[in-house]
Amino acid sequence: AVVSTQSTGDQLTAGTTWHSAGLVWSLRPSDIDTLVIGHTLDLVKEGGEIERLTGMDCGFNNNGGLFIANNKERLDEYKRLQTLGKYFNIDTHVLSPEETKKLYPLMNVDDVYGTLYSPADGCLDPSTYVSALSKAATMLGGRIYTDTSVQAISTKETRGRKRVTGVQTNRGFIKTEKVVNCTGAWAPYISKMVGVDCPLIPFRHAYVVTENIPGVENMPNVRDHDLSVYLRLQGNGLSIGGYEPWPD
């Protein structure tokens, strides 16, 4: 496998990765997403696949996750998610406001209808995870090229279908029949090289980090889907992030 980076600084984690929230939520409405996240947890947890292979810690903090419902409709959705979790053997609990307060004493639950608690959730340190992941990749035969930009993707017609034949970079041509586009916000730019539209639109995201908050240690991460905000445990404080409802 060959990994070529194309981001700010052309180094691993130099783009948007280093300031990613690194939140890991076990439950998603999609079966595929839930399976992928489950595999990620198997990789990053203490004693997981990557640590056994490399001896490196992935920077995963298993502090749990809490989805907040401020209305009956949202709580009904979380109950459906809990049912999905049972199929995948994911331990989750629907909590009343009173039970939520016991779990997260600092939370004001006056306007909380209920919550969904997932003990397996947590957060990753993005840079630590990428370092461990890249080491695992190289140990398994992968090659990582930094300071390498993708300039073009070569294709040819085979039986009426376009097939990849290689990637042209600023450091030479890489012969390959497969390209995995993992360039995040730059994915549409890469896809256009082969005439494919990538339905991805970057959204503006902002976050603030609080000062130390006594009592917040080991509290679960919090997500409010209606307000599009999250609270991530950051040391003895919180990283509070939100997403704009419309892209620029």
Protein backbone atom coordinates (compact mmCIF):
# COMPACT_ATOMS: atom_id res chain seq x y z
CA ALA A 1 0.00 0.00 0.00
CA VAL A 2 1.20 3.50 -0.75
CA VAL A 3 -0.05 6.56 1.10
CA SER A 4 0.52 9.95 -0.46
CA THR A 5 -0.30 13.06 1.55
CA GLN A 6 -1.84 16.19 0.11
CA SER A 7 -2.64 18.69 2.80
CA THR A 8 -1.34 21.85 4.39
CA GLY A 9 2.36 21.29 4.90
CA ASP A 10 2.21 17.90 3.13
CA GLN A 11 2.99 16.10 6.40
CA LEU A 12 0.90 13.58 8.32
CA THR A 13 -1.60 15.42 10.59
CA ALA A 14 -0.52 18.82 9.20
CA GLY A 15 -3.92 19.57 7.65
CA THR A 16 -7.17 19.35 9.58
CA THR A 17 -6.23 16.20 11.53
CA TRP A 18 -4.23 17.75 14.35
CA HIS A 19 -7.18 19.85 15.59
CA SER A 20 -9.83 17.20 15.02
CA ALA A 21 -12.04 16.45 18.03
CA GLY A 22 -11.27 12.74 17.68
CA LEU A 23 -14.67 11.74 19.05
CA VAL A 24 -15.63 8.07 18.79
CA TRP A 25 -19.36 7.37 19.01
CA SER A 26 -20.28 3.67 18.85
CA LEU A 27 -23.80 4.14 17.50
CA ARG A 28 -24.77 5.60 14.14
CA PRO A 29 -28.05 5.31 12.21
CA SER A 30 -26.19 3.42 9.45
CA ASP A 31 -25.29 -0.25 9.91
CA ILE A 32 -22.09 0.26 7.89
CA ASP A 33 -20.99 3.25 9.97
CA THR A 34 -21.63 1.32 13.18
CA LEU A 35 -19.53 -1.61 11.93
CA VAL A 36 -16.68 0.68 10.86
CA ILE A 37 -16.65 2.42 14.24
CA GLY A 38 -16.70 -0.95 16.00
CA HIS A 39 -13.63 -1.97 14.02
CA THR A 40 -11.97 1.34 14.91
CA LEU A 41 -12.57 0.66 18.60
CA ASP A 42 -10.98 -2.78 18.22
CA LEU A 43 -7.93 -1.05 16.74
CA VAL A 44 -7.50 1.80 19.22
CA LYS A 45 -8.64 0.53 22.61
CA GLU A 46 -6.11 -0.34 25.30
CA GLY A 47 -4.63 -3.70 24.32
CA GLY A 48 -6.23 -3.40 20.87
CA GLU A 49 -4.83 -4.54 17.52
CA ILE A 50 -2.56 -1.55 16.94
CA GLU A 51 -1.07 -1.60 20.44
CA ARG A 52 -0.43 -5.36 20.21
CA LEU A 53 1.31 -4.90 16.87
CA THR A 54 3.31 -1.73 17.50
CA GLY A 55 3.49 -1.40 21.28
CA MET A 56 2.21 2.16 20.85
CA ASP A 57 -0.70 3.70 22.69
CA CYS A 58 -3.31 5.16 20.32
CA GLY A 59 -4.32 7.94 22.71
CA PHE A 60 -7.85 6.61 23.23
CA ASN A 61 -9.70 7.80 26.33
CA ASN A 62 -12.66 5.52 27.07
CA ASN A 63 -14.72 8.05 29.04
CA GLY A 64 -18.08 7.19 27.46
CA GLY A 65 -20.54 9.18 25.38
CA LEU A 66 -23.87 10.85 26.05
CA PHE A 67 -26.47 11.88 23.45
CA ILE A 68 -28.85 14.58 24.74
CA ALA A 69 -32.54 14.67 23.78
CA ASN A 70 -34.46 17.90 24.38
CA ASN A 71 -37.74 16.56 23.01
CA LYS A 72 -39.71 13.32 22.71
CA GLU A 73 -38.96 12.87 18.99
CA ARG A 74 -35.21 12.95 19.54
CA LEU A 75 -35.44 10.53 22.46
CA ASP A 76 -37.53 8.16 20.32
CA GLU A 77 -34.72 8.25 17.75
CA TYR A 78 -32.18 7.39 20.45
CA LYS A 79 -34.35 4.48 21.58
CA ARG A 80 -34.24 3.17 18.00
CA LEU A 81 -30.46 3.56 18.08
CA GLN A 82 -30.38 1.55 21.28
CA THR A 83 -32.28 -1.24 19.53
CA LEU A 84 -29.73 -1.15 16.72
CA GLY A 85 -26.98 -1.33 19.32
CA LYS A 86 -28.44 -4.51 20.79
CA TYR A 87 -28.09 -6.18 17.39
CA PHE A 88 -24.39 -5.25 17.32
CA ASN A 89 -23.87 -6.11 21.03
CA ILE A 90 -23.22 -2.47 21.91
CA ASP A 91 -24.00 -1.70 25.54
CA THR A 92 -26.19 1.44 25.76
CA HIS A 93 -28.63 2.87 28.28
CA VAL A 94 -31.56 5.28 27.89
CA LEU A 95 -31.45 7.55 30.93
CA SER A 96 -34.01 9.83 32.54
CA PRO A 97 -33.00 13.41 33.42
CA GLU A 98 -32.48 12.31 37.02
CA GLU A 99 -30.25 9.39 36.00
CA THR A 100 -28.35 11.71 33.65
CA LYS A 101 -27.71 14.10 36.53
CA LYS A 102 -26.23 11.26 38.61
CA LEU A 103 -23.92 10.33 35.73
CA TYR A 104 -22.97 13.94 34.89
CA PRO A 105 -23.47 16.04 38.06
CA LEU A 106 -22.30 19.26 36.37
CA MET A 107 -25.08 19.13 33.76
CA ASN A 108 -28.21 21.23 34.05
CA VAL A 109 -30.99 18.79 33.14
CA ASP A 110 -33.94 21.17 33.51
CA ASP A 111 -34.57 21.15 29.75
CA VAL A 112 -33.35 17.58 29.10
CA TYR A 113 -36.00 15.07 28.02
CA GLY A 114 -33.66 12.10 28.31
CA THR A 115 -30.28 10.84 27.14
CA LEU A 116 -28.61 7.85 25.54
CA TYR A 117 -25.45 6.70 27.31
CA SER A 118 -22.82 4.53 25.62
CA PRO A 119 -19.99 3.43 27.97
CA ALA A 120 -17.78 2.19 25.09
CA ASP A 121 -17.47 5.66 23.54
CA GLY A 122 -14.57 8.00 24.01
CA CYS A 123 -12.10 10.23 22.21
CA LEU A 124 -8.76 9.91 20.49
CA ASP A 125 -5.75 12.16 20.36
CA PRO A 126 -5.58 12.55 16.56
CA SER A 127 -1.82 12.99 16.23
CA THR A 128 -1.05 10.07 18.55
CA TYR A 129 -3.46 7.84 16.65
CA VAL A 130 -1.99 8.74 13.25
CA SER A 131 1.53 8.04 14.54
CA ALA A 132 0.49 4.59 15.78
CA LEU A 133 -1.52 3.87 12.64
CA SER A 134 1.34 4.86 10.33
CA LYS A 135 3.77 2.68 12.26
CA ALA A 136 1.37 -0.27 11.98
CA ALA A 137 1.04 0.34 8.24
CA THR A 138 4.80 0.39 7.65
CA MET A 139 5.29 -2.72 9.78
CA LEU A 140 2.78 -4.50 7.54
CA GLY A 141 4.55 -3.43 4.35
CA GLY A 142 3.02 -0.04 3.67
CA ARG A 143 5.02 2.91 2.42
CA ILE A 144 4.24 6.48 3.40
CA TYR A 145 5.41 9.41 1.29
CA THR A 146 5.20 12.88 2.80
CA ASP A 147 5.89 16.12 0.90
CA THR A 148 4.17 14.36 -1.99
CA SER A 149 1.33 15.92 -3.95
CA VAL A 150 -1.03 14.15 -6.34
CA GLN A 151 -0.89 15.85 -9.73
CA ALA A 152 -2.95 13.46 -11.86
CA ILE A 153 -4.56 10.03 -11.87
CA SER A 154 -4.04 7.96 -15.02
CA THR A 155 -6.88 5.81 -16.36
CA LYS A 156 -7.69 3.65 -19.37
CA GLU A 157 -10.86 2.26 -20.89
CA THR A 158 -11.35 -1.47 -20.32
CA ARG A 159 -14.53 -3.08 -21.66
CA GLY A 160 -16.29 0.25 -21.62
CA ARG A 161 -15.26 1.12 -18.06
CA LYS A 162 -12.64 3.54 -16.84
CA ARG A 163 -9.88 1.86 -14.82
CA VAL A 164 -7.09 3.43 -12.77
CA THR A 165 -3.57 2.68 -13.97
CA GLY A 166 -1.48 4.94 -11.78
CA VAL A 167 -0.95 8.20 -9.91
CA GLN A 168 1.34 11.00 -11.04
CA THR A 169 3.00 12.83 -8.15
CA ASN A 170 5.62 15.55 -7.88
CA ARG A 171 8.08 12.76 -7.04
CA GLY A 172 7.29 10.45 -9.91
CA PHE A 173 4.68 8.00 -11.18
CA ILE A 174 3.15 5.29 -8.95
CA LYS A 175 1.73 2.34 -10.86
CA THR A 176 -1.42 1.06 -9.21
CA GLU A 177 -4.90 -0.19 -10.09
CA LYS A 178 -6.53 1.15 -6.94
CA VAL A 179 -6.76 4.59 -5.39
CA VAL A 180 -8.50 5.31 -2.08
CA ASN A 181 -9.51 8.94 -1.81
CA CYS A 182 -9.07 9.87 1.89
CA THR A 183 -8.29 13.55 1.40
CA GLY A 184 -11.18 14.96 3.42
CA ALA A 185 -12.07 18.50 2.36
CA TRP A 186 -9.88 18.06 -0.73
CA ALA A 187 -11.72 14.91 -1.88
CA PRO A 188 -13.76 16.66 -4.62
CA TYR A 189 -10.53 18.05 -6.10
CA ILE A 190 -8.99 14.57 -6.30
CA SER A 191 -12.17 12.98 -7.67
CA LYS A 192 -12.32 15.49 -10.52
CA MET A 193 -9.01 14.08 -11.80
CA VAL A 194 -10.95 11.03 -12.99
CA GLY A 195 -14.17 12.85 -13.86
CA VAL A 196 -16.06 11.77 -10.74
CA ASP A 197 -18.20 14.11 -8.64
CA CYS A 198 -17.66 13.69 -4.91
CA PRO A 199 -20.77 14.78 -2.93
CA LEU A 200 -18.76 16.35 -0.13
CA ILE A 201 -19.14 19.94 1.08
CA PRO A 202 -16.91 21.36 3.82
CA PHE A 203 -18.74 23.02 6.70
CA ARG A 204 -17.33 25.73 8.90
CA HIS A 205 -16.50 24.41 12.36
CA ALA A 206 -15.43 26.33 15.43
CA TYR A 207 -14.50 25.21 18.92
CA VAL A 208 -13.30 26.72 22.19
CA VAL A 209 -11.35 25.12 25.02
CA THR A 210 -12.34 26.03 28.56
CA GLU A 211 -10.13 26.54 31.57
CA ASN A 212 -10.03 23.79 34.20
CA ILE A 213 -13.47 22.85 35.51
CA PRO A 214 -13.42 21.12 38.93
CA GLY A 215 -15.34 17.85 38.81
CA VAL A 216 -15.34 17.39 35.04
CA GLU A 217 -12.62 14.74 35.09
CA ASN A 218 -13.69 11.44 33.45
CA MET A 219 -17.11 12.81 32.52
CA PRO A 220 -18.50 11.40 29.24
CA ASN A 221 -18.39 13.36 26.01
CA VAL A 222 -21.73 14.99 25.14
CA ARG A 223 -23.48 15.45 21.81
CA ASP A 224 -26.62 17.50 21.11
CA HIS A 225 -27.76 16.69 17.58
CA ASP A 226 -30.50 19.35 17.53
CA LEU A 227 -28.05 22.15 18.33
CA SER A 228 -25.15 20.55 16.38
CA VAL A 229 -22.74 20.97 19.29
CA TYR A 230 -20.50 18.65 21.29
CA LEU A 231 -18.63 18.77 24.58
CA ARG A 232 -15.40 16.80 24.56
CA LEU A 233 -13.35 16.09 27.66
CA GLN A 234 -10.03 17.93 27.29
CA GLY A 235 -7.82 17.24 30.27
CA ASN A 236 -9.49 18.96 33.21
CA GLY A 237 -11.61 21.13 30.93
CA LEU A 238 -13.88 20.87 27.93
CA SER A 239 -13.52 21.43 24.22
CA ILE A 240 -16.86 22.79 23.01
CA GLY A 241 -17.46 22.65 19.27
CA GLY A 242 -20.29 23.46 16.90
CA TYR A 243 -21.16 23.29 13.23
CA GLU A 244 -22.77 25.94 11.04
CA PRO A 245 -26.14 24.83 9.58
CA TRP A 246 -25.13 25.86 6.05
CA PRO A 247 -21.81 25.66 4.19
CA ASP A 248 -20.14 28.79 2.87
